PDB file of N, CA and C in Angstrom:
ATOM      1  N   MET A   1      85.184 115.547  32.162  1.00  0.00           N
ATOM      2  CA  MET A   1      86.502 116.250  31.463  1.00  0.00           C
ATOM      3  C   MET A   1      87.248 117.205  32.891  1.00  0.00           C
ATOM      4  N   ALA A   2      89.043 116.728  32.916  1.00  0.00           N
ATOM      5  CA  ALA A   2      89.923 117.425  33.909  1.00  0.00           C
ATOM      6  C   ALA A   2      89.564 119.007  34.321  1.00  0.00           C
ATOM      7  N   HIS A   3      90.183 119.568  32.348  1.00  0.00           N
ATOM      8  CA  HIS A   3      90.611 120.860  31.796  1.00  0.00           C
ATOM      9  C   HIS A   3      88.723 121.566  31.737  1.00  0.00           C
ATOM     10  N   SER A   4      88.102 121.172  32.245  1.00  0.00           N
ATOM     11  CA  SER A   4      86.257 122.082  31.945  1.00  0.00           C
ATOM     12  C   SER A   4      86.289 123.224  32.280  1.00  0.00           C
ATOM     13  N   ILE A   5      87.322 123.563  32.816  1.00  0.00           N
ATOM     14  CA  ILE A   5      86.954 125.552  33.320  1.00  0.00           C
ATOM     15  C   ILE A   5      87.633 125.827  32.590  1.00  0.00           C
ATOM     16  N   VAL A   6      88.149 125.263  31.844  1.00  0.00           N
ATOM     17  CA  VAL A   6      89.566 126.133  30.859  1.00  0.00           C
ATOM     18  C   VAL A   6      88.961 126.315  30.022  1.00  0.00           C
ATOM     19  N   GLY A   7      88.227 125.698  29.587  1.00  0.00           N
ATOM     20  CA  GLY A   7      87.379 125.702  28.067  1.00  0.00           C
ATOM     21  C   GLY A   7      88.077 125.936  26.915  1.00  0.00           C
ATOM     22  N   ARG A   8      87.294 125.701  25.803  1.00  0.00           N
ATOM     23  CA  ARG A   8      87.562 126.465  24.774  1.00  0.00           C
ATOM     24  C   ARG A   8      87.559 127.973  24.006  1.00  0.00           C
ATOM     25  N   GLY A   9      88.143 128.721  23.146  1.00  0.00           N
ATOM     26  CA  GLY A   9      88.562 129.915  22.503  1.00  0.00           C
ATOM     27  C   GLY A   9      88.912 130.134  21.293  1.00  0.00           C
ATOM     28  N   LEU A  10      88.150 131.171  20.846  1.00  0.00           N
ATOM     29  CA  LEU A  10      89.294 131.715  20.029  1.00  0.00           C
ATOM     30  C   LEU A  10      90.512 131.862  19.692  1.00  0.00           C
ATOM     31  N   THR A  11      91.366 131.240  18.757  1.00  0.00           N
ATOM     32  CA  THR A  11      93.475 131.221  18.584  1.00  0.00           C
ATOM     33  C   THR A  11      93.198 132.346  18.564  1.00  0.00           C
ATOM     34  N   PHE A  12      93.993 133.357  19.003  1.00  0.00           N
ATOM     35  CA  PHE A  12      94.610 134.918  18.544  1.00  0.00           C
ATOM     36  C   PHE A  12      95.720 135.216  18.451  1.00  0.00           C
ATOM     37  N   PRO A  13      96.253 135.901  17.216  1.00  0.00           N
ATOM     38  CA  PRO A  13      95.167 136.525  16.369  1.00  0.00           C
ATOM     39  C   PRO A  13      94.315 134.988  16.093  1.00  0.00           C
ATOM     40  N   LEU A  14      93.396 135.938  15.566  1.00  0.00           N
ATOM     41  CA  LEU A  14      92.097 135.158  15.111  1.00  0.00           C
ATOM     42  C   LEU A  14      92.835 134.436  13.734  1.00  0.00           C
ATOM     43  N   GLY A  15      92.608 132.818  12.721  1.00  0.00           N
ATOM     44  CA  GLY A  15      93.078 132.291  12.498  1.00  0.00           C
ATOM     45  C   GLY A  15      91.872 130.928  11.563  1.00  0.00           C
ATOM     46  N   ILE A  16      92.026 130.904  10.806  1.00  0.00           N
ATOM     47  CA  ILE A  16      90.829 129.830  10.014  1.00  0.00           C
ATOM     48  C   ILE A  16      90.897 127.942  10.350  1.00  0.00           C
ATOM     49  N   ASN A  17      89.997 127.323  10.219  1.00  0.00           N
ATOM     50  CA  ASN A  17      91.076 126.346  10.400  1.00  0.00           C
ATOM     51  C   ASN A  17      90.650 125.666   9.117  1.00  0.00           C
ATOM     52  N   SER A  18      90.656 123.718   8.500  1.00  0.00           N
ATOM     53  CA  SER A  18      90.613 123.612   7.472  1.00  0.00           C
ATOM     54  C   SER A  18      89.342 123.259   7.233  1.00  0.00           C
ATOM     55  N   GLN A  19      88.471 123.591   7.838  1.00  0.00           N
ATOM     56  CA  GLN A  19      86.887 123.839   7.309  1.00  0.00           C
ATOM     57  C   GLN A  19      86.919 124.745   6.770  1.00  0.00           C
ATOM     58  N   GLY A  20      86.808 126.156   6.774  1.00  0.00           N
ATOM     59  CA  GLY A  20      86.416 127.470   6.368  1.00  0.00           C
ATOM     60  C   GLY A  20      86.397 128.245   7.990  1.00  0.00           C
ATOM     61  N   GLY A  21      86.185 127.985   8.925  1.00  0.00           N
ATOM     62  CA  GLY A  21      85.389 128.662  10.615  1.00  0.00           C
ATOM     63  C   GLY A  21      87.070 128.921  11.051  1.00  0.00           C
ATOM     64  N   PHE A  22      86.788 129.681  12.202  1.00  0.00           N
ATOM     65  CA  PHE A  22      88.007 130.106  12.995  1.00  0.00           C
ATOM     66  C   PHE A  22      88.021 128.677  13.791  1.00  0.00           C
ATOM     67  N   ALA A  23      89.064 129.630  13.590  1.00  0.00           N
ATOM     68  CA  ALA A  23      90.505 128.039  14.900  1.00  0.00           C
ATOM     69  C   ALA A  23      90.064 128.308  15.197  1.00  0.00           C
ATOM     70  N   LEU A  24      90.484 127.195  16.865  1.00  0.00           N
ATOM     71  CA  LEU A  24      89.971 127.172  18.368  1.00  0.00           C
ATOM     72  C   LEU A  24      90.941 126.902  18.886  1.00  0.00           C
ATOM     73  N   THR A  25      90.892 126.862  20.448  1.00  0.00           N
ATOM     74  CA  THR A  25      92.420 126.547  20.883  1.00  0.00           C
ATOM     75  C   THR A  25      91.768 125.777  22.197  1.00  0.00           C
ATOM     76  N   SER A  26      92.995 125.196  23.037  1.00  0.00           N
ATOM     77  CA  SER A  26      91.720 124.458  24.897  1.00  0.00           C
ATOM     78  C   SER A  26      92.840 123.795  25.163  1.00  0.00           C
ATOM     79  N   PHE A  27      92.167 124.564  26.050  1.00  0.00           N
ATOM     80  CA  PHE A  27      93.295 123.675  27.878  1.00  0.00           C
ATOM     81  C   PHE A  27      94.654 124.667  28.049  1.00  0.00           C
ATOM     82  N   ARG A  28      95.430 123.914  27.955  1.00  0.00           N
ATOM     83  CA  ARG A  28      96.604 125.027  28.136  1.00  0.00           C
ATOM     84  C   ARG A  28      96.802 125.892  26.697  1.00  0.00           C
ATOM     85  N   SER A  29      97.448 126.150  25.757  1.00  0.00           N
ATOM     86  CA  SER A  29      97.163 127.276  24.563  1.00  0.00           C
ATOM     87  C   SER A  29      95.732 128.110  25.594  1.00  0.00           C
ATOM     88  N   GLU A  30      95.004 127.464  25.587  1.00  0.00           N
ATOM     89  CA  GLU A  30      93.905 128.832  26.169  1.00  0.00           C
ATOM     90  C   GLU A  30      94.182 129.585  26.647  1.00  0.00           C
ATOM     91  N   LEU A  31      94.677 128.821  27.709  1.00  0.00           N
ATOM     92  CA  LEU A  31      94.881 130.234  29.235  1.00  0.00           C
ATOM     93  C   LEU A  31      96.678 130.556  28.704  1.00  0.00           C
ATOM     94  N   GLU A  32      97.002 130.347  27.775  1.00  0.00           N
ATOM     95  CA  GLU A  32      98.151 130.286  28.072  1.00  0.00           C
ATOM     96  C   GLU A  32      98.349 132.239  26.998  1.00  0.00           C
ATOM     97  N   GLN A  33      97.584 132.097  25.909  1.00  0.00           N
ATOM     98  CA  GLN A  33      97.236 133.033  25.323  1.00  0.00           C
ATOM     99  C   GLN A  33      96.427 134.169  26.298  1.00  0.00           C
ATOM    100  N   ALA A  34      94.968 133.841  27.164  1.00  0.00           N
ATOM    101  CA  ALA A  34      94.421 134.593  27.657  1.00  0.00           C
ATOM    102  C   ALA A  34      95.252 135.378  28.133  1.00  0.00           C
ATOM    103  N   ILE A  35      96.081 134.770  28.910  1.00  0.00           N
ATOM    104  CA  ILE A  35      97.556 135.708  30.159  1.00  0.00           C
ATOM    105  C   ILE A  35      97.756 136.567  29.256  1.00  0.00           C
ATOM    106  N   ALA A  36      98.830 135.965  28.096  1.00  0.00           N
ATOM    107  CA  ALA A  36      99.158 136.977  27.274  1.00  0.00           C
ATOM    108  C   ALA A  36      98.576 138.287  26.698  1.00  0.00           C
ATOM    109  N   ILE A  37      97.626 138.130  26.390  1.00  0.00           N
ATOM    110  CA  ILE A  37      96.698 138.945  26.428  1.00  0.00           C
ATOM    111  C   ILE A  37      95.985 139.774  26.971  1.00  0.00           C
ATOM    112  N   ILE A  38      96.117 140.198  28.647  1.00  0.00           N
ATOM    113  CA  ILE A  38      96.065 140.183  29.265  1.00  0.00           C
ATOM    114  C   ILE A  38      97.135 141.070  29.877  1.00  0.00           C
ATOM    115  N   LEU A  39      98.241 140.622  29.809  1.00  0.00           N
ATOM    116  CA  LEU A  39      99.689 140.632  30.512  1.00  0.00           C
ATOM    117  C   LEU A  39      99.628 142.632  28.981  1.00  0.00           C
ATOM    118  N   ALA A  40      99.694 141.426  27.814  1.00  0.00           N
ATOM    119  CA  ALA A  40      99.796 142.979  26.520  1.00  0.00           C
ATOM    120  C   ALA A  40      99.396 144.393  26.472  1.00  0.00           C
ATOM    121  N   THR A  41      97.496 143.552  27.026  1.00  0.00           N
ATOM    122  CA  THR A  41      97.125 144.704  26.979  1.00  0.00           C
ATOM    123  C   THR A  41      97.104 146.078  28.225  1.00  0.00           C
ATOM    124  N   THR A  42      97.206 147.519  28.128  1.00  0.00           N
ATOM    125  CA  THR A  42      97.155 148.792  28.499  1.00  0.00           C
ATOM    126  C   THR A  42      95.697 149.257  28.803  1.00  0.00           C
ATOM    127  N   PRO A  43      95.821 149.087  29.973  1.00  0.00           N
ATOM    128  CA  PRO A  43      94.564 149.431  30.848  1.00  0.00           C
ATOM    129  C   PRO A  43      93.841 151.417  29.634  1.00  0.00           C
ATOM    130  N   GLY A  44      92.522 150.982  29.337  1.00  0.00           N
ATOM    131  CA  GLY A  44      92.490 151.908  28.571  1.00  0.00           C
ATOM    132  C   GLY A  44      92.384 152.084  27.415  1.00  0.00           C
ATOM    133  N   GLU A  45      92.506 150.670  27.227  1.00  0.00           N
ATOM    134  CA  GLU A  45      92.900 151.059  25.372  1.00  0.00           C
ATOM    135  C   GLU A  45      91.514 149.589  24.885  1.00  0.00           C
ATOM    136  N   ARG A  46      90.521 149.441  25.985  1.00  0.00           N
ATOM    137  CA  ARG A  46      89.333 148.726  25.359  1.00  0.00           C
ATOM    138  C   ARG A  46      88.318 149.455  25.119  1.00  0.00           C
ATOM    139  N   VAL A  47      88.047 149.646  24.937  1.00  0.00           N
ATOM    140  CA  VAL A  47      86.979 151.536  25.010  1.00  0.00           C
ATOM    141  C   VAL A  47      85.738 150.733  26.359  1.00  0.00           C
ATOM    142  N   MET A  48      85.387 149.296  25.683  1.00  0.00           N
ATOM    143  CA  MET A  48      84.519 148.466  26.125  1.00  0.00           C
ATOM    144  C   MET A  48      83.992 148.489  27.987  1.00  0.00           C
ATOM    145  N   ARG A  49      85.265 148.206  27.959  1.00  0.00           N
ATOM    146  CA  ARG A  49      86.265 147.212  29.432  1.00  0.00           C
ATOM    147  C   ARG A  49      87.884 148.295  29.877  1.00  0.00           C
ATOM    148  N   PRO A  50      87.445 149.170  30.452  1.00  0.00           N
ATOM    149  CA  PRO A  50      88.611 150.406  30.213  1.00  0.00           C
ATOM    150  C   PRO A  50      90.036 149.648  31.216  1.00  0.00           C
ATOM    151  N   ARG A  51      89.212 149.587  32.468  1.00  0.00           N
ATOM    152  CA  ARG A  51      89.984 149.070  33.861  1.00  0.00           C
ATOM    153  C   ARG A  51      90.548 147.480  32.500  1.00  0.00           C
ATOM    154  N   PHE A  52      90.590 146.336  31.487  1.00  0.00           N
ATOM    155  CA  PHE A  52      91.046 145.558  32.042  1.00  0.00           C
ATOM    156  C   PHE A  52      92.439 145.780  31.057  1.00  0.00           C
ATOM    157  N   GLY A  53      92.960 144.716  31.727  1.00  0.00           N
ATOM    158  CA  GLY A  53      94.425 144.552  31.172  1.00  0.00           C
ATOM    159  C   GLY A  53      96.070 145.215  32.333  1.00  0.00           C
ATOM    160  N   SER A  54      97.064 145.454  32.031  1.00  0.00           N
ATOM    161  CA  SER A  54      97.777 145.441  32.987  1.00  0.00           C
ATOM    162  C   SER A  54      98.990 146.528  32.654  1.00  0.00           C
ATOM    163  N   ARG A  55      99.424 146.558  33.921  1.00  0.00           N
ATOM    164  CA  ARG A  55     100.068 148.183  33.921  1.00  0.00           C
ATOM    165  C   ARG A  55     101.687 147.397  33.609  1.00  0.00           C
ATOM    166  N   LEU A  56     101.539 146.752  33.231  1.00  0.00           N
ATOM    167  CA  LEU A  56     102.908 146.799  33.366  1.00  0.00           C
ATOM    168  C   LEU A  56     104.460 147.158  31.735  1.00  0.00           C
ATOM    169  N   ASN A  57     102.970 148.205  31.001  1.00  0.00           N
ATOM    170  CA  ASN A  57     103.764 148.736  29.985  1.00  0.00           C
ATOM    171  C   ASN A  57     104.410 150.098  30.653  1.00  0.00           C
ATOM    172  N   GLU A  58     104.140 150.469  31.651  1.00  0.00           N
ATOM    173  CA  GLU A  58     104.554 151.846  32.922  1.00  0.00           C
ATOM    174  C   GLU A  58     105.997 151.318  33.253  1.00  0.00           C
ATOM    175  N   LEU A  59     106.273 150.506  32.876  1.00  0.00           N
ATOM    176  CA  LEU A  59     108.361 150.236  34.018  1.00  0.00           C
ATOM    177  C   LEU A  59     108.917 149.910  32.380  1.00  0.00           C
ATOM    178  N   LEU A  60     108.548 150.301  31.174  1.00  0.00           N
ATOM    179  CA  LEU A  60     108.982 150.027  30.166  1.00  0.00           C
ATOM    180  C   LEU A  60     110.249 151.716  30.717  1.00  0.00           C
ATOM    181  N   TYR A  61     111.511 151.227  30.242  1.00  0.00           N
ATOM    182  CA  TYR A  61     113.009 152.571  30.347  1.00  0.00           C
ATOM    183  C   TYR A  61     112.805 152.815  31.841  1.00  0.00           C
ATOM    184  N   GLU A  62     112.154 151.917  32.590  1.00  0.00           N
ATOM    185  CA  GLU A  62     112.367 151.977  33.855  1.00  0.00           C
ATOM    186  C   GLU A  62     113.678 150.976  34.283  1.00  0.00           C
ATOM    187  N   PRO A  63     113.808 151.619  35.589  1.00  0.00           N
ATOM    188  CA  PRO A  63     115.703 150.886  35.373  1.00  0.00           C
ATOM    189  C   PRO A  63     115.422 149.558  35.755  1.00  0.00           C
ATOM    190  N   ASN A  64     116.265 148.566  35.446  1.00  0.00           N
ATOM    191  CA  ASN A  64     115.817 146.755  35.887  1.00  0.00           C
ATOM    192  C   ASN A  64     116.803 146.633  37.058  1.00  0.00           C
ATOM    193  N   ASN A  65     116.176 147.230  38.265  1.00  0.00           N
ATOM    194  CA  ASN A  65     116.301 147.622  39.965  1.00  0.00           C
ATOM    195  C   ASN A  65     115.894 146.440  40.525  1.00  0.00           C
ATOM    196  N   SER A  66     115.163 145.801  41.555  1.00  0.00           N
ATOM    197  CA  SER A  66     114.735 145.320  42.680  1.00  0.00           C
ATOM    198  C   SER A  66     113.348 146.098  42.453  1.00  0.00           C
ATOM    199  N   ARG A  67     114.021 147.356  43.167  1.00  0.00           N
ATOM    200  CA  ARG A  67     111.916 148.160  42.221  1.00  0.00           C
ATOM    201  C   ARG A  67     111.557 147.990  41.703  1.00  0.00           C
ATOM    202  N   THR A  68     111.481 147.769  40.468  1.00  0.00           N
ATOM    203  CA  THR A  68     110.516 147.291  39.091  1.00  0.00           C
ATOM    204  C   THR A  68     110.494 145.969  39.438  1.00  0.00           C
ATOM    205  N   ALA A  69     111.912 145.420  39.226  1.00  0.00           N
ATOM    206  CA  ALA A  69     111.399 144.055  39.792  1.00  0.00           C
ATOM    207  C   ALA A  69     109.882 143.872  40.891  1.00  0.00           C
ATOM    208  N   ALA A  70     109.606 144.041  42.147  1.00  0.00           N
ATOM    209  CA  ALA A  70     108.586 144.274  42.514  1.00  0.00           C
ATOM    210  C   ALA A  70     107.974 144.474  42.204  1.00  0.00           C
ATOM    211  N   LEU A  71     107.816 145.855  41.151  1.00  0.00           N
ATOM    212  CA  LEU A  71     106.662 146.591  40.547  1.00  0.00           C
ATOM    213  C   LEU A  71     105.713 145.230  39.742  1.00  0.00           C
ATOM    214  N   ALA A  72     106.751 144.582  38.896  1.00  0.00           N
ATOM    215  CA  ALA A  72     106.026 144.034  37.574  1.00  0.00           C
ATOM    216  C   ALA A  72     105.225 143.047  38.490  1.00  0.00           C
ATOM    217  N   GLU A  73     106.690 142.412  39.050  1.00  0.00           N
ATOM    218  CA  GLU A  73     105.363 140.724  40.201  1.00  0.00           C
ATOM    219  C   GLU A  73     104.314 141.509  39.885  1.00  0.00           C
ATOM    220  N   GLN A  74     103.844 142.236  41.145  1.00  0.00           N
ATOM    221  CA  GLN A  74     103.217 142.669  41.122  1.00  0.00           C
ATOM    222  C   GLN A  74     101.682 143.213  40.461  1.00  0.00           C
ATOM    223  N   TYR A  75     101.890 143.445  38.865  1.00  0.00           N
ATOM    224  CA  TYR A  75     101.275 144.312  38.328  1.00  0.00           C
ATOM    225  C   TYR A  75     100.738 142.556  37.908  1.00  0.00           C
ATOM    226  N   VAL A  76     101.574 142.460  37.437  1.00  0.00           N
ATOM    227  CA  VAL A  76     101.412 140.852  36.860  1.00  0.00           C
ATOM    228  C   VAL A  76     100.244 140.002  37.781  1.00  0.00           C
ATOM    229  N   GLU A  77     100.528 140.007  39.108  1.00  0.00           N
ATOM    230  CA  GLU A  77      99.470 139.258  40.224  1.00  0.00           C
ATOM    231  C   GLU A  77      97.772 139.873  40.054  1.00  0.00           C
ATOM    232  N   ASP A  78      98.092 141.730  39.796  1.00  0.00           N
ATOM    233  CA  ASP A  78      97.270 142.397  40.142  1.00  0.00           C
ATOM    234  C   ASP A  78      96.445 142.087  38.842  1.00  0.00           C
ATOM    235  N   ALA A  79      96.564 142.301  38.017  1.00  0.00           N
ATOM    236  CA  ALA A  79      95.884 141.178  36.266  1.00  0.00           C
ATOM    237  C   ALA A  79      95.876 140.591  36.445  1.00  0.00           C
ATOM    238  N   LEU A  80      95.870 139.414  36.352  1.00  0.00           N
ATOM    239  CA  LEU A  80      95.425 138.004  36.627  1.00  0.00           C
ATOM    240  C   LEU A  80      94.922 137.792  37.787  1.00  0.00           C
ATOM    241  N   ALA A  81      94.779 138.024  38.982  1.00  0.00           N
ATOM    242  CA  ALA A  81      94.002 137.472  39.843  1.00  0.00           C
ATOM    243  C   ALA A  81      92.734 138.724  39.540  1.00  0.00           C
ATOM    244  N   MET A  82      92.900 140.104  38.772  1.00  0.00           N
ATOM    245  CA  MET A  82      90.853 140.666  38.005  1.00  0.00           C
ATOM    246  C   MET A  82      90.633 139.561  37.503  1.00  0.00           C
ATOM    247  N   TRP A  83      91.247 139.679  36.372  1.00  0.00           N
ATOM    248  CA  TRP A  83      90.623 139.505  35.104  1.00  0.00           C
ATOM    249  C   TRP A  83      91.261 137.583  34.107  1.00  0.00           C
ATOM    250  N   GLU A  84      91.700 136.865  35.357  1.00  0.00           N
ATOM    251  CA  GLU A  84      91.732 135.485  34.630  1.00  0.00           C
ATOM    252  C   GLU A  84      91.270 134.537  35.683  1.00  0.00           C
ATOM    253  N   PRO A  85      89.394 134.142  36.117  1.00  0.00           N
ATOM    254  CA  PRO A  85      89.862 133.589  37.422  1.00  0.00           C
ATOM    255  C   PRO A  85      89.351 131.854  37.618  1.00  0.00           C
ATOM    256  N   ARG A  86      90.251 131.175  36.103  1.00  0.00           N
ATOM    257  CA  ARG A  86      90.722 130.301  36.124  1.00  0.00           C
ATOM    258  C   ARG A  86      92.266 129.483  36.379  1.00  0.00           C
ATOM    259  N   ILE A  87      92.812 130.506  36.575  1.00  0.00           N
ATOM    260  CA  ILE A  87      94.147 129.994  37.528  1.00  0.00           C
ATOM    261  C   ILE A  87      93.703 130.596  38.863  1.00  0.00           C
ATOM    262  N   ARG A  88      95.079 131.217  39.515  1.00  0.00           N
ATOM    263  CA  ARG A  88      95.667 131.228  40.606  1.00  0.00           C
ATOM    264  C   ARG A  88      97.967 131.432  40.664  1.00  0.00           C
ATOM    265  N   VAL A  89      97.570 132.624  40.847  1.00  0.00           N
ATOM    266  CA  VAL A  89      99.179 133.026  40.192  1.00  0.00           C
ATOM    267  C   VAL A  89      99.950 132.166  42.013  1.00  0.00           C
ATOM    268  N   ILE A  90     100.642 131.527  42.355  1.00  0.00           N
ATOM    269  CA  ILE A  90     101.316 131.017  43.602  1.00  0.00           C
ATOM    270  C   ILE A  90     102.931 131.682  43.027  1.00  0.00           C
ATOM    271  N   GLY A  91     103.236 132.467  41.942  1.00  0.00           N
ATOM    272  CA  GLY A  91     104.685 133.103  42.243  1.00  0.00           C
ATOM    273  C   GLY A  91     104.750 133.478  40.367  1.00  0.00           C
ATOM    274  N   VAL A  92     105.417 135.011  39.966  1.00  0.00           N
ATOM    275  CA  VAL A  92     105.759 134.937  39.221  1.00  0.00           C
ATOM    276  C   VAL A  92     107.581 135.588  39.346  1.00  0.00           C
ATOM    277  N   THR A  93     107.722 134.645  37.905  1.00  0.00           N
ATOM    278  CA  THR A  93     109.934 134.865  37.534  1.00  0.00           C
ATOM    279  C   THR A  93     109.632 135.281  36.193  1.00  0.00           C
TER     280      THR A  93
END
C-alpha cells in the first residue's frame, strides 16, 4: 500500500464511530491533523513531552512584516522537522 507510512490514528478531537468505538482517520487526513496539533501546541504545554509543539504562539501581536513572516516560516519548518518524520517540508506559504 502506497500510504502505509502514514498510518491511521484517532480523530482529533476524539469522536465516536457508528459502532460505538473511537473514530479513526487515515492517510492525508491523519497527516493534516498531526500537523495542526504540532503547530497549535505551545512547547511546555504537554507535561510528559515539554519540548513538543511549535513556537508560533510567540508571534502573536508581532508586527505583520517580513521579519515576522521569516520567523513563522522557520518555526513551522523546525517544528515539523522535529515532530513529524513522515513528511518533508518543501515550503511554507
